[in-house]
Amino acid sequence: MSVGRLAASDDDFYQRLYQRGMTHFAAADYASAFTELRSAAFGFVERGEQFEIAQSYAAIAAHRLGHDSDARDSLMRLVTAEKVQPRYRSIKLPDDVRAELNTLAANFLMTDEAALLGVTSVAKPETEVPTPTKQPNVALTAPRDGGPDASQPVTPAPVPQPKKPVPQPVPQPVPPPQPKSAAPQPVVPAPQPAPAPPPKPPAPQPAVPAPQPQVREAVPSLADAQRAVDSGDIDRARAMYDELSTAPALSHDTALRVAEGLYRVRDYAGAARTFARAGAIGRGEEGYHYYYAVALYETGHYGNAKRELAAALPYIAVTPDVTRYRAKIEGAIE
């Protein structure tokens, strides 16, 4: 498949993802809306207006979920786009959506960042530390009406002394009467009880079958996919990584590892989508920029590929493969 056809199929994918995200947003399914709109925005980097609309709704969805760090991340992506070409004031947003987004920008962005969106940042209150007074704040208790003067010492009442106990006469124990010696009685052998019949064995109880565990559909793991790669079964590994990439709950770290796996089995479109879903690549994860750059180049996103490659080069070893892709990416015409 040519690069042009790959790019066209990716455009269709991101458009469908965007439509699903907007549908979920309208249905108040903000978790699905945020994931889909943020991923769709990745595919609209070269379409400035649609990129900013997707990031706007993603920011509001994240805030309504209580995920304010994700909301600020989407706002910062808007700010970055505005630095390249200002268009936020002209994009088509409903009045209530724009008002809510402006409120988020005023609260989450610094003054210069909010100004790029035409919003005045809310001043952050400074916390005052109270200065301790020299004298301790001790409450004085006023004397009650009719009571003794507080300045006069109160004489304690004398404590009554216990009386000495009067000794009582100790009663002398009465000796018990001595028993009379009884006449010897003839020894009568005690009767022996009849032997008890042997107990009957308990009747056998029907065995209760152990509960059978419910059969659950097996979900592949990263280790399963890696074993498939090691055994040379690339098609099976690709299917496993693809299934993992669409899991509803995917952490940032797991998403990066799944995206790397898709890159290694040459599913570049899947790798690019999963890197977008993982979000910003942080400190200590710089090596993933290179995998992301190759995936972007192979799917026709040359400008973004150059950006990711530049972020990766200071942190990776320059192997022959890196040299070859570096020449391809830096020489690509956007």
Foldseek 3Di string as FASTA:
>chain_A
DDLVVLLVVLLVVLVVLQVVLVVCVVVLVLLSNLLSLLLSLVNCVVVLLSNLVSLLSNLVSCVVVVNNVSNVQSLVVVLVSLVVPNDLVPRDDPPVSVVVSLVSCQDRDDQVSSVSNVHGHDDDDDDDDDDDDPDDDDDDDDDDPPDDDPVDDDDDDDDDDDDDDDDDDDDDDDDDDDDDDDDDDDDDDDDDDDDDDDDDDDDDDDDDDDDDDDDDDDQDDPVNLVVCVVVVVLVVSLVNLLSVLPDSDAALVRLLSSLVSNLVSPVLSSSLSSPSSSPDQDPPRLQSLQSNLVSCVSNPNLVSSVVSLVSNVVPDDCDPVNVVVVCVSVPDDD
